[in-house]
PDB file of N, CA and C in Angstrom:
ATOM      1  N   UNK A   1      28.372   0.954 -11.442  1.00  0.00           N
ATOM      2  CA  UNK A   1      27.573   0.042 -12.244  1.00  0.00           C
ATOM      3  C   UNK A   1      26.383  -0.442 -11.411  1.00  0.00           C
ATOM      4  N   UNK A   2      25.250  -0.554 -12.058  1.00  0.00           N
ATOM      5  CA  UNK A   2      24.020  -0.919 -11.380  1.00  0.00           C
ATOM      6  C   UNK A   2      23.711  -2.402 -11.581  1.00  0.00           C
ATOM      7  N   UNK A   3      23.306  -3.044 -10.516  1.00  0.00           N
ATOM      8  CA  UNK A   3      22.962  -4.463 -10.567  1.00  0.00           C
ATOM      9  C   UNK A   3      21.524  -4.609 -11.068  1.00  0.00           C
ATOM     10  N   UNK A   4      21.314  -5.428 -12.074  1.00  0.00           N
ATOM     11  CA  UNK A   4      19.980  -5.620 -12.648  1.00  0.00           C
ATOM     12  C   UNK A   4      19.334  -6.891 -12.119  1.00  0.00           C
ATOM     13  N   UNK A   5      18.001  -6.885 -12.112  1.00  0.00           N
ATOM     14  CA  UNK A   5      17.265  -8.088 -11.740  1.00  0.00           C
ATOM     15  C   UNK A   5      17.258  -8.384 -10.256  1.00  0.00           C
ATOM     16  N   UNK A   6      17.415  -7.379  -9.447  1.00  0.00           N
ATOM     17  CA  UNK A   6      17.483  -7.615  -8.013  1.00  0.00           C
ATOM     18  C   UNK A   6      16.107  -7.648  -7.358  1.00  0.00           C
ATOM     19  N   UNK A   7      15.102  -7.129  -8.047  1.00  0.00           N
ATOM     20  CA  UNK A   7      13.776  -7.031  -7.450  1.00  0.00           C
ATOM     21  C   UNK A   7      13.687  -5.870  -6.476  1.00  0.00           C
ATOM     22  N   UNK A   8      14.674  -4.995  -6.530  1.00  0.00           N
ATOM     23  CA  UNK A   8      14.720  -3.867  -5.606  1.00  0.00           C
ATOM     24  C   UNK A   8      13.639  -2.844  -5.945  1.00  0.00           C
ATOM     25  N   UNK A   9      13.125  -2.228  -4.914  1.00  0.00           N
ATOM     26  CA  UNK A   9      12.147  -1.154  -5.066  1.00  0.00           C
ATOM     27  C   UNK A   9      12.755   0.092  -4.444  1.00  0.00           C
ATOM     28  N   UNK A  10      12.804   1.148  -5.227  1.00  0.00           N
ATOM     29  CA  UNK A  10      13.387   2.394  -4.751  1.00  0.00           C
ATOM     30  C   UNK A  10      12.400   3.530  -4.970  1.00  0.00           C
ATOM     31  N   UNK A  11      12.439   4.515  -4.073  1.00  0.00           N
ATOM     32  CA  UNK A  11      11.636   5.729  -4.239  1.00  0.00           C
ATOM     33  C   UNK A  11      12.592   6.843  -4.658  1.00  0.00           C
ATOM     34  N   UNK A  12      12.279   7.482  -5.762  1.00  0.00           N
ATOM     35  CA  UNK A  12      13.136   8.542  -6.264  1.00  0.00           C
ATOM     36  C   UNK A  12      12.882   9.823  -5.490  1.00  0.00           C
ATOM     37  N   UNK A  13      13.728  10.826  -5.728  1.00  0.00           N
ATOM     38  CA  UNK A  13      13.577  12.093  -5.017  1.00  0.00           C
ATOM     39  C   UNK A  13      12.262  12.786  -5.367  1.00  0.00           C
ATOM     40  N   UNK A  14      11.684  12.470  -6.521  1.00  0.00           N
ATOM     41  CA  UNK A  14      10.411  13.072  -6.920  1.00  0.00           C
ATOM     42  C   UNK A  14       9.226  12.323  -6.324  1.00  0.00           C
ATOM     43  N   UNK A  15       9.491  11.266  -5.558  1.00  0.00           N
ATOM     44  CA  UNK A  15       8.408  10.497  -4.941  1.00  0.00           C
ATOM     45  C   UNK A  15       7.907   9.370  -5.808  1.00  0.00           C
ATOM     46  N   UNK A  16       8.573   9.128  -6.929  1.00  0.00           N
ATOM     47  CA  UNK A  16       8.165   8.039  -7.799  1.00  0.00           C
ATOM     48  C   UNK A  16       8.759   6.728  -7.323  1.00  0.00           C
ATOM     49  N   UNK A  17       8.094   5.639  -7.661  1.00  0.00           N
ATOM     50  CA  UNK A  17       8.561   4.312  -7.268  1.00  0.00           C
ATOM     51  C   UNK A  17       9.198   3.659  -8.485  1.00  0.00           C
ATOM     52  N   UNK A  18      10.395   3.124  -8.305  1.00  0.00           N
ATOM     53  CA  UNK A  18      11.115   2.466  -9.384  1.00  0.00           C
ATOM     54  C   UNK A  18      11.428   1.038  -8.955  1.00  0.00           C
ATOM     55  N   UNK A  19      11.107   0.072  -9.796  1.00  0.00           N
ATOM     56  CA  UNK A  19      11.397  -1.321  -9.482  1.00  0.00           C
ATOM     57  C   UNK A  19      12.346  -1.888 -10.523  1.00  0.00           C
ATOM     58  N   UNK A  20      13.121  -2.864 -10.112  1.00  0.00           N
ATOM     59  CA  UNK A  20      14.069  -3.521 -11.007  1.00  0.00           C
ATOM     60  C   UNK A  20      13.862  -5.018 -10.869  1.00  0.00           C
ATOM     61  N   UNK A  21      13.131  -5.597 -11.812  1.00  0.00           N
ATOM     62  CA  UNK A  21      12.809  -7.021 -11.755  1.00  0.00           C
ATOM     63  C   UNK A  21      13.232  -7.667 -13.062  1.00  0.00           C
ATOM     64  N   UNK A  22      14.021  -8.698 -12.972  1.00  0.00           N
ATOM     65  CA  UNK A  22      14.427  -9.445 -14.160  1.00  0.00           C
ATOM     66  C   UNK A  22      15.219  -8.631 -15.156  1.00  0.00           C
ATOM     67  N   UNK A  23      15.958  -7.634 -14.679  1.00  0.00           N
ATOM     68  CA  UNK A  23      16.768  -6.836 -15.582  1.00  0.00           C
ATOM     69  C   UNK A  23      15.995  -5.730 -16.272  1.00  0.00           C
ATOM     70  N   UNK A  24      14.694  -5.630 -16.037  1.00  0.00           N
ATOM     71  CA  UNK A  24      13.885  -4.587 -16.648  1.00  0.00           C
ATOM     72  C   UNK A  24      13.492  -3.598 -15.557  1.00  0.00           C
ATOM     73  N   UNK A  25      13.828  -2.360 -15.769  1.00  0.00           N
ATOM     74  CA  UNK A  25      13.506  -1.331 -14.791  1.00  0.00           C
ATOM     75  C   UNK A  25      12.232  -0.626 -15.228  1.00  0.00           C
ATOM     76  N   UNK A  26      11.296  -0.530 -14.312  1.00  0.00           N
ATOM     77  CA  UNK A  26      10.071   0.199 -14.617  1.00  0.00           C
ATOM     78  C   UNK A  26       9.852   1.241 -13.536  1.00  0.00           C
ATOM     79  N   UNK A  27       9.221   2.321 -13.919  1.00  0.00           N
ATOM     80  CA  UNK A  27       8.960   3.399 -12.969  1.00  0.00           C
ATOM     81  C   UNK A  27       7.483   3.765 -13.060  1.00  0.00           C
ATOM     82  N   UNK A  28       6.916   4.100 -11.917  1.00  0.00           N
ATOM     83  CA  UNK A  28       5.536   4.597 -11.897  1.00  0.00           C
ATOM     84  C   UNK A  28       5.480   5.727 -10.893  1.00  0.00           C
ATOM     85  N   UNK A  29       4.582   6.642 -11.144  1.00  0.00           N
ATOM     86  CA  UNK A  29       4.487   7.784 -10.237  1.00  0.00           C
ATOM     87  C   UNK A  29       3.776   7.361  -8.959  1.00  0.00           C
ATOM     88  N   UNK A  30       4.101   8.034  -7.900  1.00  0.00           N
ATOM     89  CA  UNK A  30       3.476   7.757  -6.604  1.00  0.00           C
ATOM     90  C   UNK A  30       2.016   8.194  -6.672  1.00  0.00           C
ATOM     91  N   UNK A  31       1.118   7.425  -6.041  1.00  0.00           N
ATOM     92  CA  UNK A  31      -0.286   7.814  -6.072  1.00  0.00           C
ATOM     93  C   UNK A  31      -0.537   9.090  -5.277  1.00  0.00           C
ATOM     94  N   UNK A  32      -1.586   9.758  -5.640  1.00  0.00           N
ATOM     95  CA  UNK A  32      -2.011  10.975  -4.957  1.00  0.00           C
ATOM     96  C   UNK A  32      -2.284  10.644  -3.489  1.00  0.00           C
ATOM     97  N   UNK A  33      -1.919  11.509  -2.544  1.00  0.00           N
ATOM     98  CA  UNK A  33      -2.177  11.228  -1.120  1.00  0.00           C
ATOM     99  C   UNK A  33      -3.651  10.963  -0.819  1.00  0.00           C
ATOM    100  N   UNK A  34      -4.552  11.657  -1.500  1.00  0.00           N
ATOM    101  CA  UNK A  34      -5.980  11.423  -1.273  1.00  0.00           C
ATOM    102  C   UNK A  34      -6.379  10.027  -1.730  1.00  0.00           C
ATOM    103  N   UNK A  35      -5.790   9.556  -2.819  1.00  0.00           N
ATOM    104  CA  UNK A  35      -6.066   8.206  -3.310  1.00  0.00           C
ATOM    105  C   UNK A  35      -5.530   7.178  -2.328  1.00  0.00           C
ATOM    106  N   UNK A  36      -4.337   7.409  -1.815  1.00  0.00           N
ATOM    107  CA  UNK A  36      -3.762   6.485  -0.828  1.00  0.00           C
ATOM    108  C   UNK A  36      -4.624   6.425   0.421  1.00  0.00           C
ATOM    109  N   UNK A  37      -5.128   7.576   0.873  1.00  0.00           N
ATOM    110  CA  UNK A  37      -5.983   7.619   2.043  1.00  0.00           C
ATOM    111  C   UNK A  37      -7.295   6.874   1.793  1.00  0.00           C
ATOM    112  N   UNK A  38      -7.870   7.050   0.611  1.00  0.00           N
ATOM    113  CA  UNK A  38      -9.114   6.354   0.271  1.00  0.00           C
ATOM    114  C   UNK A  38      -8.903   4.844   0.228  1.00  0.00           C
ATOM    115  N   UNK A  39      -7.777   4.397  -0.322  1.00  0.00           N
ATOM    116  CA  UNK A  39      -7.477   2.966  -0.369  1.00  0.00           C
ATOM    117  C   UNK A  39      -7.287   2.404   1.035  1.00  0.00           C
ATOM    118  N   UNK A  40      -6.627   3.142   1.894  1.00  0.00           N
ATOM    119  CA  UNK A  40      -6.435   2.715   3.275  1.00  0.00           C
ATOM    120  C   UNK A  40      -7.773   2.622   3.992  1.00  0.00           C
ATOM    121  N   UNK A  41      -8.630   3.602   3.787  1.00  0.00           N
ATOM    122  CA  UNK A  41      -9.953   3.615   4.398  1.00  0.00           C
ATOM    123  C   UNK A  41     -10.760   2.397   3.943  1.00  0.00           C
ATOM    124  N   UNK A  42     -10.742   2.125   2.636  1.00  0.00           N
ATOM    125  CA  UNK A  42     -11.472   0.972   2.104  1.00  0.00           C
ATOM    126  C   UNK A  42     -10.939  -0.339   2.661  1.00  0.00           C
ATOM    127  N   UNK A  43      -9.636  -0.424   2.880  1.00  0.00           N
ATOM    128  CA  UNK A  43      -9.042  -1.655   3.399  1.00  0.00           C
ATOM    129  C   UNK A  43      -9.351  -1.850   4.881  1.00  0.00           C
ATOM    130  N   UNK A  44      -9.385  -0.765   5.640  1.00  0.00           N
ATOM    131  CA  UNK A  44      -9.578  -0.874   7.086  1.00  0.00           C
ATOM    132  C   UNK A  44     -11.035  -0.872   7.521  1.00  0.00           C
ATOM    133  N   UNK A  45     -11.929  -0.389   6.679  1.00  0.00           N
ATOM    134  CA  UNK A  45     -13.337  -0.298   7.057  1.00  0.00           C
ATOM    135  C   UNK A  45     -13.927  -1.642   7.479  1.00  0.00           C
ATOM    136  N   UNK A  46     -13.734  -2.733   6.724  1.00  0.00           N
ATOM    137  CA  UNK A  46     -14.285  -4.014   7.165  1.00  0.00           C
ATOM    138  C   UNK A  46     -13.703  -4.498   8.495  1.00  0.00           C
ATOM    139  N   UNK A  47     -12.446  -4.203   8.743  1.00  0.00           N
ATOM    140  CA  UNK A  47     -11.799  -4.618   9.988  1.00  0.00           C
ATOM    141  C   UNK A  47     -12.418  -3.868  11.168  1.00  0.00           C
ATOM    142  N   UNK A  48     -12.558  -2.576  11.020  1.00  0.00           N
ATOM    143  CA  UNK A  48     -13.137  -1.761  12.094  1.00  0.00           C
ATOM    144  C   UNK A  48     -14.598  -2.144  12.312  1.00  0.00           C
ATOM    145  N   UNK A  49     -15.330  -2.327  11.238  1.00  0.00           N
ATOM    146  CA  UNK A  49     -16.738  -2.706  11.350  1.00  0.00           C
ATOM    147  C   UNK A  49     -16.880  -4.058  12.053  1.00  0.00           C
ATOM    148  N   UNK A  50     -16.056  -5.018  11.686  1.00  0.00           N
ATOM    149  CA  UNK A  50     -16.098  -6.332  12.317  1.00  0.00           C
ATOM    150  C   UNK A  50     -15.758  -6.269  13.796  1.00  0.00           C
ATOM    151  N   UNK A  51     -14.774  -5.445  14.146  1.00  0.00           N
ATOM    152  CA  UNK A  51     -14.393  -5.288  15.557  1.00  0.00           C
ATOM    153  C   UNK A  51     -15.545  -4.686  16.354  1.00  0.00           C
ATOM    154  N   UNK A  52     -16.141  -3.629  15.814  1.00  0.00           N
ATOM    155  CA  UNK A  52     -17.257  -2.976  16.517  1.00  0.00           C
ATOM    156  C   UNK A  52     -18.445  -3.921  16.664  1.00  0.00           C
ATOM    157  N   UNK A  53     -18.735  -4.677  15.631  1.00  0.00           N
ATOM    158  CA  UNK A  53     -19.850  -5.617  15.689  1.00  0.00           C
ATOM    159  C   UNK A  53     -19.595  -6.694  16.747  1.00  0.00           C
ATOM    160  N   UNK A  54     -18.367  -7.178  16.830  1.00  0.00           N
ATOM    161  CA  UNK A  54     -18.024  -8.187  17.838  1.00  0.00           C
ATOM    162  C   UNK A  54     -18.143  -7.611  19.244  1.00  0.00           C
ATOM    163  N   UNK A  55     -17.711  -6.382  19.432  1.00  0.00           N
ATOM    164  CA  UNK A  55     -17.811  -5.746  20.758  1.00  0.00           C
ATOM    165  C   UNK A  55     -19.270  -5.541  21.155  1.00  0.00           C
ATOM    166  N   UNK A  56     -20.120  -5.180  20.195  1.00  0.00           N
ATOM    167  CA  UNK A  56     -21.540  -4.999  20.488  1.00  0.00           C
ATOM    168  C   UNK A  56     -22.198  -6.329  20.854  1.00  0.00           C
ATOM    169  N   UNK A  57     -21.835  -7.384  20.140  1.00  0.00           N
ATOM    170  CA  UNK A  57     -22.378  -8.710  20.461  1.00  0.00           C
ATOM    171  C   UNK A  57     -21.930  -9.141  21.855  1.00  0.00           C
ATOM    172  N   UNK A  58     -20.680  -8.847  22.171  1.00  0.00           N
ATOM    173  CA  UNK A  58     -20.134  -9.201  23.484  1.00  0.00           C
ATOM    174  C   UNK A  58     -20.866  -8.429  24.588  1.00  0.00           C
ATOM    175  N   UNK A  59     -21.191  -7.181  24.317  1.00  0.00           N
ATOM    176  CA  UNK A  59     -21.889  -6.358  25.300  1.00  0.00           C
ATOM    177  C   UNK A  59     -23.330  -6.836  25.504  1.00  0.00           C
ATOM    178  N   UNK A  60     -23.954  -7.349  24.452  1.00  0.00           N
ATOM    179  CA  UNK A  60     -25.330  -7.841  24.539  1.00  0.00           C
ATOM    180  C   UNK A  60     -25.415  -9.186  25.253  1.00  0.00           C
ATOM    181  N   UNK A  61     -24.354  -9.938  25.237  1.00  0.00           N
ATOM    182  CA  UNK A  61     -24.376 -11.293  25.798  1.00  0.00           C
ATOM    183  C   UNK A  61     -24.334 -11.308  27.305  1.00  0.00           C
TER     184      UNK A  61
END
């Protein structure tokens, strides 16, 4: 028997993500690897840019 409403997140053998929240189970397919890479790049770009800018300012000082 399966416990409902646990908020558990599981990855199926097909790579899909299944969540169980409030007794309702929903499933969504895993994003394309290229999409995941693009999202990671977009998230990290400001961090890397800020780090490089700080290092350049430090070098100029």
